[in-house]
Amino acid sequence: MTMKLSVSLSDDTGAHVRSLGHGRASSYIDRAVRNQMLRDEVAEIAATPRTPEEVAFFEDAAAAAAEMWAAGE
C-alpha cells in the first residue's frame, strides 16, 4: 500500500530532490524517511536500561563481530 503525501522542503533540499530526475524523488524521500525511522528505533533501543549481564553479552558479541570482520569473514 502506498500513501500520497505533500511535503514542504527548504529551497536547498527541494533543489536537490528536483535534481534527482523524474521518478527518483519518491524513492529518495522514502529512503530518507525509512532511515530516520531506523535512527529513531535505534535511539529508543539504546535508551532502554540494560542489566550488567545484557551489557556483557552485547560487548562480547561486538568483540566477536569485530574479530570476524578483521579476519575477513
N, C-alpha and C. Protein backbone atom coordinates (compact mmCIF):
# COMPACT_ATOMS: atom_id res chain seq x y z
N MET A 1 0.84 -1.17 0.00
CA MET A 1 0.00 0.00 0.00
C MET A 1 0.89 1.24 0.00
N THR A 2 0.50 2.23 -0.74
CA THR A 2 1.24 3.47 -0.76
C THR A 2 0.36 4.59 -0.22
N MET A 3 1.01 5.69 0.15
CA MET A 3 0.30 6.85 0.65
C MET A 3 0.81 8.06 -0.11
N LYS A 4 -0.10 8.86 -0.61
CA LYS A 4 0.28 10.11 -1.26
C LYS A 4 0.46 11.15 -0.17
N LEU A 5 1.56 11.89 -0.27
CA LEU A 5 1.92 12.81 0.79
C LEU A 5 2.43 14.11 0.18
N SER A 6 2.03 15.22 0.74
CA SER A 6 2.56 16.51 0.33
C SER A 6 3.51 16.99 1.41
N VAL A 7 4.70 17.43 0.99
CA VAL A 7 5.69 17.91 1.95
C VAL A 7 6.20 19.28 1.51
N SER A 8 6.65 20.04 2.47
CA SER A 8 7.31 21.31 2.20
C SER A 8 8.78 21.13 2.52
N LEU A 9 9.64 21.49 1.57
CA LEU A 9 11.08 21.35 1.74
C LEU A 9 11.73 22.72 1.64
N SER A 10 12.86 22.87 2.30
CA SER A 10 13.61 24.11 2.15
C SER A 10 14.06 24.23 0.70
N ASP A 11 14.44 25.43 0.28
CA ASP A 11 14.86 25.64 -1.11
C ASP A 11 16.02 24.73 -1.50
N ASP A 12 17.02 24.61 -0.62
CA ASP A 12 18.19 23.78 -0.93
C ASP A 12 17.81 22.31 -1.06
N THR A 13 17.01 21.83 -0.11
CA THR A 13 16.59 20.44 -0.14
C THR A 13 15.71 20.18 -1.36
N GLY A 14 14.79 21.08 -1.63
CA GLY A 14 13.92 20.93 -2.80
C GLY A 14 14.70 20.91 -4.09
N ALA A 15 15.71 21.76 -4.20
CA ALA A 15 16.54 21.77 -5.41
C ALA A 15 17.26 20.44 -5.59
N HIS A 16 17.76 19.91 -4.51
CA HIS A 16 18.45 18.61 -4.58
C HIS A 16 17.50 17.51 -5.03
N VAL A 17 16.31 17.46 -4.43
CA VAL A 17 15.34 16.42 -4.78
C VAL A 17 14.90 16.58 -6.24
N ARG A 18 14.68 17.82 -6.69
CA ARG A 18 14.31 18.05 -8.09
C ARG A 18 15.42 17.60 -9.04
N SER A 19 16.67 17.72 -8.62
CA SER A 19 17.79 17.36 -9.48
C SER A 19 17.91 15.84 -9.68
N LEU A 20 17.21 15.06 -8.89
CA LEU A 20 17.29 13.61 -8.99
C LEU A 20 16.63 13.07 -10.24
N GLY A 21 15.73 13.82 -10.81
CA GLY A 21 15.04 13.37 -12.01
C GLY A 21 13.71 12.74 -11.69
N HIS A 22 12.92 12.60 -12.73
CA HIS A 22 11.55 12.08 -12.60
C HIS A 22 11.57 10.65 -12.06
N GLY A 23 10.72 10.40 -11.06
CA GLY A 23 10.58 9.07 -10.51
C GLY A 23 11.55 8.74 -9.40
N ARG A 24 12.66 9.44 -9.33
CA ARG A 24 13.65 9.13 -8.30
C ARG A 24 13.38 9.87 -7.00
N ALA A 25 12.66 10.97 -7.07
CA ALA A 25 12.40 11.75 -5.86
C ALA A 25 11.61 10.94 -4.84
N SER A 26 10.60 10.20 -5.29
CA SER A 26 9.80 9.42 -4.35
C SER A 26 10.63 8.37 -3.64
N SER A 27 11.47 7.66 -4.39
CA SER A 27 12.28 6.62 -3.74
C SER A 27 13.31 7.24 -2.81
N TYR A 28 13.83 8.42 -3.18
CA TYR A 28 14.80 9.12 -2.34
C TYR A 28 14.15 9.52 -1.02
N ILE A 29 12.97 10.10 -1.09
CA ILE A 29 12.26 10.54 0.12
C ILE A 29 11.85 9.33 0.95
N ASP A 30 11.41 8.25 0.29
CA ASP A 30 11.06 7.02 1.01
C ASP A 30 12.26 6.51 1.80
N ARG A 31 13.44 6.47 1.16
CA ARG A 31 14.66 6.02 1.84
C ARG A 31 15.00 6.92 3.01
N ALA A 32 14.86 8.23 2.83
CA ALA A 32 15.18 9.18 3.90
C ALA A 32 14.26 8.96 5.11
N VAL A 33 12.97 8.75 4.85
CA VAL A 33 12.02 8.52 5.94
C VAL A 33 12.33 7.20 6.63
N ARG A 34 12.61 6.14 5.85
CA ARG A 34 12.95 4.84 6.45
C ARG A 34 14.22 4.94 7.30
N ASN A 35 15.23 5.67 6.80
CA ASN A 35 16.46 5.84 7.57
C ASN A 35 16.19 6.55 8.89
N GLN A 36 15.34 7.57 8.86
CA GLN A 36 15.01 8.27 10.10
C GLN A 36 14.26 7.36 11.05
N MET A 37 13.36 6.53 10.52
CA MET A 37 12.64 5.58 11.37
C MET A 37 13.62 4.63 12.05
N LEU A 38 14.61 4.15 11.31
CA LEU A 38 15.63 3.27 11.90
C LEU A 38 16.44 3.99 12.97
N ARG A 39 16.83 5.24 12.70
CA ARG A 39 17.57 6.01 13.70
C ARG A 39 16.75 6.18 14.98
N ASP A 40 15.45 6.47 14.81
CA ASP A 40 14.57 6.62 15.97
C ASP A 40 14.48 5.31 16.76
N GLU A 41 14.36 4.19 16.03
CA GLU A 41 14.26 2.89 16.69
C GLU A 41 15.55 2.54 17.43
N VAL A 42 16.69 2.80 16.81
CA VAL A 42 17.98 2.53 17.46
C VAL A 42 18.15 3.40 18.70
N ALA A 43 17.74 4.66 18.60
CA ALA A 43 17.84 5.56 19.76
C ALA A 43 16.97 5.06 20.90
N GLU A 44 15.79 4.55 20.57
CA GLU A 44 14.90 4.01 21.61
C GLU A 44 15.52 2.77 22.25
N ILE A 45 16.10 1.90 21.43
CA ILE A 45 16.75 0.70 21.95
C ILE A 45 17.93 1.09 22.84
N ALA A 46 18.72 2.06 22.38
CA ALA A 46 19.90 2.48 23.14
C ALA A 46 19.51 3.10 24.48
N ALA A 47 18.33 3.71 24.54
CA ALA A 47 17.89 4.36 25.78
C ALA A 47 17.28 3.38 26.77
N THR A 48 17.07 2.14 26.34
CA THR A 48 16.48 1.12 27.22
C THR A 48 17.52 0.68 28.25
N PRO A 49 17.17 0.73 29.54
CA PRO A 49 18.12 0.28 30.56
C PRO A 49 18.49 -1.19 30.37
N ARG A 50 19.74 -1.51 30.61
CA ARG A 50 20.25 -2.88 30.45
C ARG A 50 20.82 -3.38 31.77
N THR A 51 20.67 -4.68 31.98
CA THR A 51 21.29 -5.30 33.15
C THR A 51 22.77 -5.48 32.86
N PRO A 52 23.60 -5.64 33.89
CA PRO A 52 25.02 -5.89 33.65
C PRO A 52 25.26 -7.13 32.76
N GLU A 53 24.41 -8.14 32.91
CA GLU A 53 24.56 -9.35 32.09
C GLU A 53 24.30 -9.05 30.61
N GLU A 54 23.26 -8.24 30.35
CA GLU A 54 22.96 -7.86 28.96
C GLU A 54 24.09 -7.04 28.37
N VAL A 55 24.63 -6.12 29.15
CA VAL A 55 25.74 -5.30 28.68
C VAL A 55 26.93 -6.18 28.32
N ALA A 56 27.26 -7.13 29.18
CA ALA A 56 28.38 -8.04 28.92
C ALA A 56 28.13 -8.86 27.66
N PHE A 57 26.90 -9.33 27.48
CA PHE A 57 26.56 -10.11 26.28
C PHE A 57 26.79 -9.28 25.02
N PHE A 58 26.28 -8.05 25.00
CA PHE A 58 26.43 -7.21 23.82
C PHE A 58 27.89 -6.82 23.57
N GLU A 59 28.64 -6.59 24.63
CA GLU A 59 30.06 -6.27 24.46
C GLU A 59 30.80 -7.47 23.87
N ASP A 60 30.49 -8.68 24.36
CA ASP A 60 31.11 -9.89 23.81
C ASP A 60 30.73 -10.10 22.35
N ALA A 61 29.47 -9.89 22.03
CA ALA A 61 29.01 -10.05 20.65
C ALA A 61 29.69 -9.04 19.73
N ALA A 62 29.84 -7.80 20.19
CA ALA A 62 30.50 -6.78 19.38
C ALA A 62 31.97 -7.12 19.17
N ALA A 63 32.62 -7.62 20.19
CA ALA A 63 34.03 -8.01 20.08
C ALA A 63 34.18 -9.17 19.10
N ALA A 64 33.28 -10.14 19.16
CA ALA A 64 33.34 -11.28 18.24
C ALA A 64 33.09 -10.81 16.80
N ALA A 65 32.15 -9.91 16.61
CA ALA A 65 31.89 -9.40 15.27
C ALA A 65 33.11 -8.64 14.73
N ALA A 66 33.77 -7.86 15.59
CA ALA A 66 34.95 -7.12 15.17
C ALA A 66 36.07 -8.07 14.77
N GLU A 67 36.23 -9.16 15.52
CA GLU A 67 37.26 -10.16 15.18
C GLU A 67 36.94 -10.82 13.85
N MET A 68 35.69 -11.15 13.62
CA MET A 68 35.28 -11.76 12.35
C MET A 68 35.53 -10.80 11.19
N TRP A 69 35.19 -9.54 11.39
CA TRP A 69 35.38 -8.54 10.33
C TRP A 69 36.87 -8.38 10.03
N ALA A 70 37.69 -8.34 11.08
CA ALA A 70 39.13 -8.18 10.88
C ALA A 70 39.73 -9.39 10.17
N ALA A 71 39.14 -10.57 10.41
CA ALA A 71 39.63 -11.80 9.78
C ALA A 71 39.09 -11.97 8.36
N GLY A 72 38.20 -11.07 7.96
CA GLY A 72 37.64 -11.12 6.61
C GLY A 72 36.51 -12.10 6.45
N GLU A 73 35.90 -12.51 7.53
CA GLU A 73 34.77 -13.46 7.45
C GLU A 73 33.49 -12.74 7.17
